[in-house]
C-alpha atoms as a PDB file:
ATOM      1  CA  MET A   1      44.305 -18.855  41.566  1.00  0.00           C
ATOM      2  CA  SER A   2      41.124 -16.668  41.533  1.00  0.00           C
ATOM      3  CA  MET A   3      39.502 -20.303  43.536  1.00  0.00           C
ATOM      4  CA  LEU A   4      42.576 -20.318  45.621  1.00  0.00           C
ATOM      5  CA  SER A   5      42.057 -16.755  46.439  1.00  0.00           C
ATOM      6  CA  ASP A   6      38.349 -16.860  47.346  1.00  0.00           C
ATOM      7  CA  MET A   7      39.109 -20.111  49.791  1.00  0.00           C
ATOM      8  CA  PHE A   8      42.116 -17.821  51.556  1.00  0.00           C
ATOM      9  CA  SER A   9      39.674 -14.697  51.879  1.00  0.00           C
ATOM     10  CA  ASP A  10      37.147 -17.218  53.140  1.00  0.00           C
ATOM     11  CA  LEU A  11      39.495 -19.085  55.725  1.00  0.00           C
ATOM     12  CA  ARG A  12      40.285 -15.431  56.585  1.00  0.00           C
ATOM     13  CA  ARG A  13      36.884 -14.447  57.569  1.00  0.00           C
ATOM     14  CA  ILE A  14      36.020 -17.707  59.382  1.00  0.00           C
ATOM     15  CA  VAL A  15      38.695 -16.871  61.830  1.00  0.00           C
ATOM     16  CA  LEU A  16      39.165 -13.010  61.660  1.00  0.00           C
ATOM     17  CA  PRO A  17      35.574 -12.284  60.953  1.00  0.00           C
ATOM     18  CA  SER A  18      35.099  -9.155  59.347  1.00  0.00           C
ATOM     19  CA  VAL A  19      33.023  -6.761  61.710  1.00  0.00           C
ATOM     20  CA  CYS A  20      30.468  -3.485  60.654  1.00  0.00           C
ATOM     21  CA  PRO A  21      32.351  -0.386  62.324  1.00  0.00           C
ATOM     22  CA  ILE A  22      28.754   0.824  62.995  1.00  0.00           C
ATOM     23  CA  CYS A  23      26.956  -2.612  64.875  1.00  0.00           C
ATOM     24  CA  GLY A  24      29.613  -4.528  65.093  1.00  0.00           C
ATOM     25  CA  GLY A  25      27.921  -7.019  63.167  1.00  0.00           C
ATOM     26  CA  ARG A  26      29.623  -9.654  61.280  1.00  0.00           C
ATOM     27  CA  LEU A  27      30.195  -8.296  57.528  1.00  0.00           C
ATOM     28  CA  PRO A  28      28.556 -10.660  54.685  1.00  0.00           C
ATOM     29  CA  ARG A  29      31.377 -11.634  52.225  1.00  0.00           C
ATOM     30  CA  GLY A  30      31.314  -8.332  49.745  1.00  0.00           C
ATOM     31  CA  GLN A  31      30.542  -5.776  51.900  1.00  0.00           C
ATOM     32  CA  ALA A  32      33.370  -3.455  52.922  1.00  0.00           C
ATOM     33  CA  VAL A  33      32.096  -0.576  54.407  1.00  0.00           C
ATOM     34  CA  VAL A  34      29.137  -1.408  57.195  1.00  0.00           C
ATOM     35  CA  CYS A  35      26.043  -3.721  57.186  1.00  0.00           C
ATOM     36  CA  SER A  36      23.134  -3.779  54.824  1.00  0.00           C
ATOM     37  CA  LEU A  37      20.936  -2.540  58.367  1.00  0.00           C
ATOM     38  CA  CYS A  38      23.244   0.190  59.193  1.00  0.00           C
ATOM     39  CA  GLU A  39      23.610   1.088  54.671  1.00  0.00           C
ATOM     40  CA  ALA A  40      19.870   1.764  54.878  1.00  0.00           C
ATOM     41  CA  THR A  41      19.301   3.701  58.155  1.00  0.00           C
ATOM     42  CA  ALA A  42      22.810   5.625  58.034  1.00  0.00           C
ATOM     43  CA  PRO A  43      22.051   9.066  58.504  1.00  0.00           C
ATOM     44  CA  LEU A  44      22.401  10.795  55.254  1.00  0.00           C
ATOM     45  CA  THR A  45      22.205  14.425  54.413  1.00  0.00           C
ATOM     46  CA  HIS A  46      21.076  14.319  50.259  1.00  0.00           C
ATOM     47  CA  LEU A  47      23.358  18.023  49.562  1.00  0.00           C
ATOM     48  CA  TRP A  48      26.149  15.347  47.131  1.00  0.00           C
ATOM     49  CA  LEU A  49      22.176  15.827  45.636  1.00  0.00           C
ATOM     50  CA  ASN A  50      21.322  19.912  45.399  1.00  0.00           C
ATOM     51  CA  ALA A  51      24.126  21.876  43.722  1.00  0.00           C
ATOM     52  CA  ASP A  52      22.525  25.350  45.977  1.00  0.00           C
ATOM     53  CA  ASN A  53      22.064  23.624  49.493  1.00  0.00           C
ATOM     54  CA  PRO A  54      22.925  24.498  53.256  1.00  0.00           C
ATOM     55  CA  LEU A  55      26.206  23.997  53.242  1.00  0.00           C
ATOM     56  CA  ARG A  56      27.643  25.694  49.829  1.00  0.00           C
ATOM     57  CA  GLU A  57      25.012  29.192  50.817  1.00  0.00           C
ATOM     58  CA  ARG A  58      27.824  28.729  54.651  1.00  0.00           C
ATOM     59  CA  PHE A  59      31.315  28.371  52.196  1.00  0.00           C
ATOM     60  CA  SER A  60      30.032  30.854  50.115  1.00  0.00           C
ATOM     61  CA  ASP A  61      28.963  33.873  52.705  1.00  0.00           C
ATOM     62  CA  PHE A  62      33.347  33.217  53.173  1.00  0.00           C
ATOM     63  CA  MET A  63      34.857  32.073  49.551  1.00  0.00           C
ATOM     64  CA  PRO A  64      33.869  31.318  46.033  1.00  0.00           C
ATOM     65  CA  THR A  65      32.550  27.720  46.490  1.00  0.00           C
ATOM     66  CA  SER A  66      30.926  25.987  43.269  1.00  0.00           C
ATOM     67  CA  LYS A  67      29.648  23.326  45.034  1.00  0.00           C
ATOM     68  CA  ALA A  68      29.931  21.835  48.817  1.00  0.00           C
ATOM     69  CA  ALA A  69      28.271  18.642  50.927  1.00  0.00           C
ATOM     70  CA  ALA A  70      28.289  16.930  52.849  1.00  0.00           C
ATOM     71  CA  LEU A  71      27.925  12.897  53.607  1.00  0.00           C
ATOM     72  CA  PHE A  72      26.090  12.382  56.614  1.00  0.00           C
ATOM     73  CA  TRP A  73      24.812  14.320  59.578  1.00  0.00           C
ATOM     74  CA  TYR A  74      27.044  14.594  62.321  1.00  0.00           C
ATOM     75  CA  VAL A  75      24.233  13.159  65.307  1.00  0.00           C
ATOM     76  CA  GLU A  76      25.444  13.484  69.439  1.00  0.00           C
ATOM     77  CA  GLY A  77      25.791  10.099  70.193  1.00  0.00           C
ATOM     78  CA  SER A  78      24.946   7.876  67.394  1.00  0.00           C
ATOM     79  CA  PRO A  79      27.104   4.558  66.546  1.00  0.00           C
ATOM     80  CA  TRP A  80      28.345   7.159  63.470  1.00  0.00           C
ATOM     81  CA  ARG A  81      29.978   9.791  65.218  1.00  0.00           C
ATOM     82  CA  ALA A  82      31.273   6.897  67.854  1.00  0.00           C
ATOM     83  CA  ALA A  83      32.982   4.981  64.314  1.00  0.00           C
ATOM     84  CA  ILE A  84      34.201   9.061  62.666  1.00  0.00           C
ATOM     85  CA  HIS A  85      36.595   9.537  66.429  1.00  0.00           C
ATOM     86  CA  ARG A  86      37.562   6.355  65.854  1.00  0.00           C
ATOM     87  CA  PHE A  87      39.332   6.514  62.299  1.00  0.00           C
ATOM     88  CA  LYS A  88      40.474   9.545  62.851  1.00  0.00           C
ATOM     89  CA  TYR A  89      41.780   8.775  66.653  1.00  0.00           C
ATOM     90  CA  GLY A  90      42.338   5.064  66.584  1.00  0.00           C
ATOM     91  CA  ASN A  91      44.692   3.884  63.513  1.00  0.00           C
ATOM     92  CA  MET A  92      41.518   2.935  61.230  1.00  0.00           C
ATOM     93  CA  TRP A  93      42.535   3.883  58.363  1.00  0.00           C
ATOM     94  CA  ARG A  94      40.727   1.625  56.182  1.00  0.00           C
ATOM     95  CA  MET A  95      37.498   2.598  57.590  1.00  0.00           C
ATOM     96  CA  ALA A  96      38.660   6.313  56.438  1.00  0.00           C
ATOM     97  CA  TYR A  97      39.063   4.919  52.506  1.00  0.00           C
ATOM     98  CA  ASN A  98      36.538   2.636  52.659  1.00  0.00           C
ATOM     99  CA  LEU A  99      33.668   5.974  53.731  1.00  0.00           C
ATOM    100  CA  GLY A 100      35.822   7.840  51.038  1.00  0.00           C
ATOM    101  CA  ARG A 101      35.008   5.163  48.275  1.00  0.00           C
ATOM    102  CA  TRP A 102      30.971   5.205  49.406  1.00  0.00           C
ATOM    103  CA  TYR A 103      31.273   8.958  49.340  1.00  0.00           C
ATOM    104  CA  GLY A 104      32.742   9.562  46.150  1.00  0.00           C
ATOM    105  CA  ALA A 105      30.666   7.254  44.220  1.00  0.00           C
ATOM    106  CA  CYS A 106      27.806   9.407  45.603  1.00  0.00           C
ATOM    107  CA  LEU A 107      29.336  12.643  43.882  1.00  0.00           C
ATOM    108  CA  LYS A 108      29.852  10.616  40.847  1.00  0.00           C
ATOM    109  CA  GLN A 109      26.143   9.709  40.820  1.00  0.00           C
ATOM    110  CA  SER A 110      25.219  12.862  41.771  1.00  0.00           C
ATOM    111  CA  GLY A 111      27.047  13.965  37.855  1.00  0.00           C
ATOM    112  CA  LEU A 112      27.680  17.559  39.590  1.00  0.00           C
ATOM    113  CA  TYR A 113      31.573  16.968  40.187  1.00  0.00           C
ATOM    114  CA  ASP A 114      32.450  15.723  37.512  1.00  0.00           C
ATOM    115  CA  ASP A 115      34.741  18.364  36.266  1.00  0.00           C
ATOM    116  CA  VAL A 116      36.666  18.515  39.795  1.00  0.00           C
ATOM    117  CA  ASP A 117      40.143  18.486  38.585  1.00  0.00           C
ATOM    118  CA  VAL A 118      42.293  17.024  41.282  1.00  0.00           C
ATOM    119  CA  VAL A 119      41.611  16.461  45.273  1.00  0.00           C
ATOM    120  CA  VAL A 120      43.208  18.353  48.384  1.00  0.00           C
ATOM    121  CA  PRO A 121      42.855  16.826  51.425  1.00  0.00           C
ATOM    122  CA  VAL A 122      43.021  19.258  54.840  1.00  0.00           C
ATOM    123  CA  PRO A 123      47.013  18.273  55.582  1.00  0.00           C
ATOM    124  CA  LEU A 124      47.973  17.846  59.335  1.00  0.00           C
ATOM    125  CA  HIS A 125      50.778  19.361  60.834  1.00  0.00           C
ATOM    126  CA  TRP A 126      54.569  17.396  60.736  1.00  0.00           C
ATOM    127  CA  TRP A 127      54.644  17.187  63.892  1.00  0.00           C
ATOM    128  CA  ARG A 128      50.782  16.345  64.402  1.00  0.00           C
ATOM    129  CA  ARG A 129      50.359  13.767  61.628  1.00  0.00           C
ATOM    130  CA  LEU A 130      53.662  12.004  62.986  1.00  0.00           C
ATOM    131  CA  THR A 131      51.823  11.708  67.245  1.00  0.00           C
ATOM    132  CA  ARG A 132      48.955  11.147  65.809  1.00  0.00           C
ATOM    133  CA  GLY A 133      50.446   8.338  62.374  1.00  0.00           C
ATOM    134  CA  TYR A 134      48.969   9.939  60.086  1.00  0.00           C
ATOM    135  CA  ASN A 135      46.641  11.774  58.089  1.00  0.00           C
ATOM    136  CA  GLN A 136      42.941  11.037  58.300  1.00  0.00           C
ATOM    137  CA  SER A 137      41.173  13.475  55.583  1.00  0.00           C
ATOM    138  CA  GLU A 138      44.288  12.057  53.405  1.00  0.00           C
ATOM    139  CA  TYR A 139      42.447   8.386  53.499  1.00  0.00           C
ATOM    140  CA  LEU A 140      38.881  10.451  52.829  1.00  0.00           C
ATOM    141  CA  ALA A 141      40.411  12.022  49.772  1.00  0.00           C
ATOM    142  CA  ASP A 142      41.999   8.910  48.257  1.00  0.00           C
ATOM    143  CA  GLY A 143      38.734   7.335  48.300  1.00  0.00           C
ATOM    144  CA  ILE A 144      37.137   9.938  46.904  1.00  0.00           C
ATOM    145  CA  ALA A 145      39.186  10.722  44.243  1.00  0.00           C
ATOM    146  CA  ARG A 146      38.320   6.954  43.494  1.00  0.00           C
ATOM    147  CA  GLU A 147      35.713   6.994  42.701  1.00  0.00           C
ATOM    148  CA  LEU A 148      36.097  10.578  40.535  1.00  0.00           C
ATOM    149  CA  GLY A 149      38.177   9.078  38.490  1.00  0.00           C
ATOM    150  CA  VAL A 150      40.808  11.814  39.382  1.00  0.00           C
ATOM    151  CA  LYS A 151      44.294  12.385  41.810  1.00  0.00           C
ATOM    152  CA  VAL A 152      45.025  14.212  45.171  1.00  0.00           C
ATOM    153  CA  ASP A 153      47.189  16.601  45.955  1.00  0.00           C
ATOM    154  CA  ARG A 154      49.356  16.216  49.231  1.00  0.00           C
ATOM    155  CA  GLN A 155      52.094  18.280  48.088  1.00  0.00           C
ATOM    156  CA  SER A 156      51.014  21.645  46.993  1.00  0.00           C
ATOM    157  CA  VAL A 157      49.543  23.115  50.001  1.00  0.00           C
ATOM    158  CA  VAL A 158      50.852  22.059  53.564  1.00  0.00           C
ATOM    159  CA  ARG A 159      50.026  23.505  57.248  1.00  0.00           C
ATOM    160  CA  HIS A 160      53.279  25.488  58.375  1.00  0.00           C
ATOM    161  CA  ARG A 161      52.256  26.931  61.346  1.00  0.00           C
ATOM    162  CA  TYR A 162      51.036  24.177  64.447  1.00  0.00           C
ATOM    163  CA  ASN A 163      47.694  25.127  66.015  1.00  0.00           C
ATOM    164  CA  LYS A 164      45.759  23.804  69.365  1.00  0.00           C
ATOM    165  CA  SER A 165      43.245  21.070  69.109  1.00  0.00           C
ATOM    166  CA  GLN A 166      39.896  23.225  67.676  1.00  0.00           C
ATOM    167  CA  THR A 167      38.252  20.259  70.375  1.00  0.00           C
ATOM    168  CA  SER A 168      37.017  22.471  72.904  1.00  0.00           C
ATOM    169  CA  GLN A 169      37.735  25.393  71.830  1.00  0.00           C
ATOM    170  CA  SER A 170      35.024  28.557  71.784  1.00  0.00           C
ATOM    171  CA  HIS A 171      33.456  29.708  68.692  1.00  0.00           C
ATOM    172  CA  HIS A 172      36.214  32.970  68.016  1.00  0.00           C
ATOM    173  CA  GLU A 173      37.967  29.993  69.479  1.00  0.00           C
ATOM    174  CA  ARG A 174      38.271  28.033  66.594  1.00  0.00           C
ATOM    175  CA  TRP A 175      38.526  31.757  63.981  1.00  0.00           C
ATOM    176  CA  ASP A 176      41.646  32.994  65.398  1.00  0.00           C
ATOM    177  CA  ASN A 177      43.076  29.481  66.032  1.00  0.00           C
ATOM    178  CA  VAL A 178      43.569  28.665  62.076  1.00  0.00           C
ATOM    179  CA  GLU A 179      44.529  32.330  61.360  1.00  0.00           C
ATOM    180  CA  HIS A 180      47.207  31.883  58.788  1.00  0.00           C
ATOM    181  CA  ILE A 181      48.174  28.020  58.942  1.00  0.00           C
ATOM    182  CA  PHE A 182      48.537  27.028  56.025  1.00  0.00           C
ATOM    183  CA  ARG A 183      51.338  28.031  53.120  1.00  0.00           C
ATOM    184  CA  VAL A 184      50.495  27.556  49.235  1.00  0.00           C
ATOM    185  CA  ARG A 185      53.911  26.441  47.915  1.00  0.00           C
ATOM    186  CA  ARG A 186      53.308  25.005  44.428  1.00  0.00           C
ATOM    187  CA  PRO A 187      50.525  26.850  42.990  1.00  0.00           C
ATOM    188  CA  ASP A 188      51.748  26.125  39.603  1.00  0.00           C
ATOM    189  CA  ARG A 189      50.047  22.805  39.919  1.00  0.00           C
ATOM    190  CA  LEU A 190      46.537  24.070  41.255  1.00  0.00           C
ATOM    191  CA  ARG A 191      46.664  26.961  38.692  1.00  0.00           C
ATOM    192  CA  GLY A 192      43.597  26.508  36.051  1.00  0.00           C
ATOM    193  CA  LYS A 193      41.803  23.836  37.983  1.00  0.00           C
ATOM    194  CA  HIS A 194      38.869  22.494  39.761  1.00  0.00           C
ATOM    195  CA  ILE A 195      40.142  22.025  43.950  1.00  0.00           C
ATOM    196  CA  LEU A 196      37.997  19.578  45.940  1.00  0.00           C
ATOM    197  CA  LEU A 197      38.603  20.010  49.326  1.00  0.00           C
ATOM    198  CA  VAL A 198      37.806  16.898  51.878  1.00  0.00           C
ATOM    199  CA  ASP A 199      37.908  16.771  55.943  1.00  0.00           C
ATOM    200  CA  ASP A 200      36.466  14.836  58.161  1.00  0.00           C
ATOM    201  CA  VAL A 201      34.964  16.750  60.164  1.00  0.00           C
ATOM    202  CA  LEU A 202      32.614  20.618  59.322  1.00  0.00           C
ATOM    203  CA  THR A 203      31.898  22.557  62.683  1.00  0.00           C
ATOM    204  CA  THR A 204      32.327  26.023  62.641  1.00  0.00           C
ATOM    205  CA  GLY A 205      33.758  25.640  58.984  1.00  0.00           C
ATOM    206  CA  ALA A 206      37.086  27.418  59.946  1.00  0.00           C
ATOM    207  CA  THR A 207      40.050  25.283  58.777  1.00  0.00           C
ATOM    208  CA  ILE A 208      38.667  24.430  55.764  1.00  0.00           C
ATOM    209  CA  ILE A 209      37.443  28.460  55.033  1.00  0.00           C
ATOM    210  CA  SER A 210      41.509  29.134  56.382  1.00  0.00           C
ATOM    211  CA  LEU A 211      42.725  26.023  54.347  1.00  0.00           C
ATOM    212  CA  GLY A 212      40.579  27.578  51.217  1.00  0.00           C
ATOM    213  CA  THR A 213      41.216  31.014  50.699  1.00  0.00           C
ATOM    214  CA  THR A 214      44.724  30.671  51.126  1.00  0.00           C
ATOM    215  CA  ILE A 215      44.655  28.983  47.734  1.00  0.00           C
ATOM    216  CA  LEU A 216      42.335  31.038  46.522  1.00  0.00           C
ATOM    217  CA  GLU A 217      45.222  34.147  47.914  1.00  0.00           C
ATOM    218  CA  GLY A 218      47.948  31.645  46.502  1.00  0.00           C
ATOM    219  CA  VAL A 219      46.325  30.216  43.324  1.00  0.00           C
ATOM    220  CA  ASP A 220      45.605  31.821  39.992  1.00  0.00           C
ATOM    221  CA  ASP A 221      42.304  31.396  37.851  1.00  0.00           C
ATOM    222  CA  CYS A 222      41.128  27.922  40.711  1.00  0.00           C
ATOM    223  CA  ARG A 223      37.728  27.049  41.546  1.00  0.00           C
ATOM    224  CA  LEU A 224      36.788  25.389  44.879  1.00  0.00           C
ATOM    225  CA  SER A 225      34.309  23.338  46.200  1.00  0.00           C
ATOM    226  CA  VAL A 226      33.860  21.491  49.473  1.00  0.00           C
ATOM    227  CA  ALA A 227      33.559  17.216  50.080  1.00  0.00           C
ATOM    228  CA  VAL A 228      33.378  16.801  54.165  1.00  0.00           C
ATOM    229  CA  LEU A 229      32.125  14.131  55.397  1.00  0.00           C
ATOM    230  CA  ALA A 230      30.226  14.621  58.548  1.00  0.00           C
ATOM    231  CA  THR A 231      28.310  18.009  60.110  1.00  0.00           C
ATOM    232  CA  PRO A 232      25.363  18.960  62.643  1.00  0.00           C
ATOM    233  CA  ARG A 233      22.041  19.879  61.538  1.00  0.00           C
ATOM    234  CA  HIS A 234      22.448  22.507  63.882  1.00  0.00           C
ATOM    235  CA  THR A 235      25.565  23.411  61.825  1.00  0.00           C
ATOM    236  CA  LEU A 236      22.972  24.611  59.167  1.00  0.00           C
ATOM    237  CA  HIS A 237      19.939  25.766  60.827  1.00  0.00           C
ATOM    238  CA  VAL A 238      18.616  22.538  59.298  1.00  0.00           C
ATOM    239  CA  GLU A 239      15.586  20.842  61.118  1.00  0.00           C
ATOM    240  CA  GLY A 240      15.745  16.787  61.794  1.00  0.00           C
END
């Protein structure tokens, strides 16, 4: 059966070859995320290797934060930036999941996230989820959780108020736009746990801070950590 499966897999790669979502080159067999060259040249932050880093400090200014990391630097004009945009708006959910697994493996290797109990992706409002078709942060969370060996909780926190897209808003408008948009509806499921909040791109951090403070206000005896896929260097005042 394994030989037959490999034959079909090889045939599929000939007819519909897998391509690297970053450079467009053909993916060698066994590489599920990006090609070797793009993996070697990825703008990784390595923030997950240090418990105290600029991202954790940024979040800790607003809410108690145990750990915080980003996988990539979000670089203007970078093919990585374009790829993140495609999986966010272009229905490339499998890419989000695979990047989540890569990210989760990095978190696991660092040893700093071994005590995480549950992963909570930033929820979408039901209307935005309906129009977009999926929540990319959930697929990132699925990949991360698989590597960490924990569960994803999609039900305990909801985005109960629809808010406008943050993309074209100013710094102050972003903060006003996310105030009181989340609600904890199952605090018992999160009580006493170390919760890893997951989102795709961090700019001001307003959305994930709104989510985190809502959880801290509604759930007893919990701890928060944060894992975002990408963040610009200038957000953390880090030089290139």
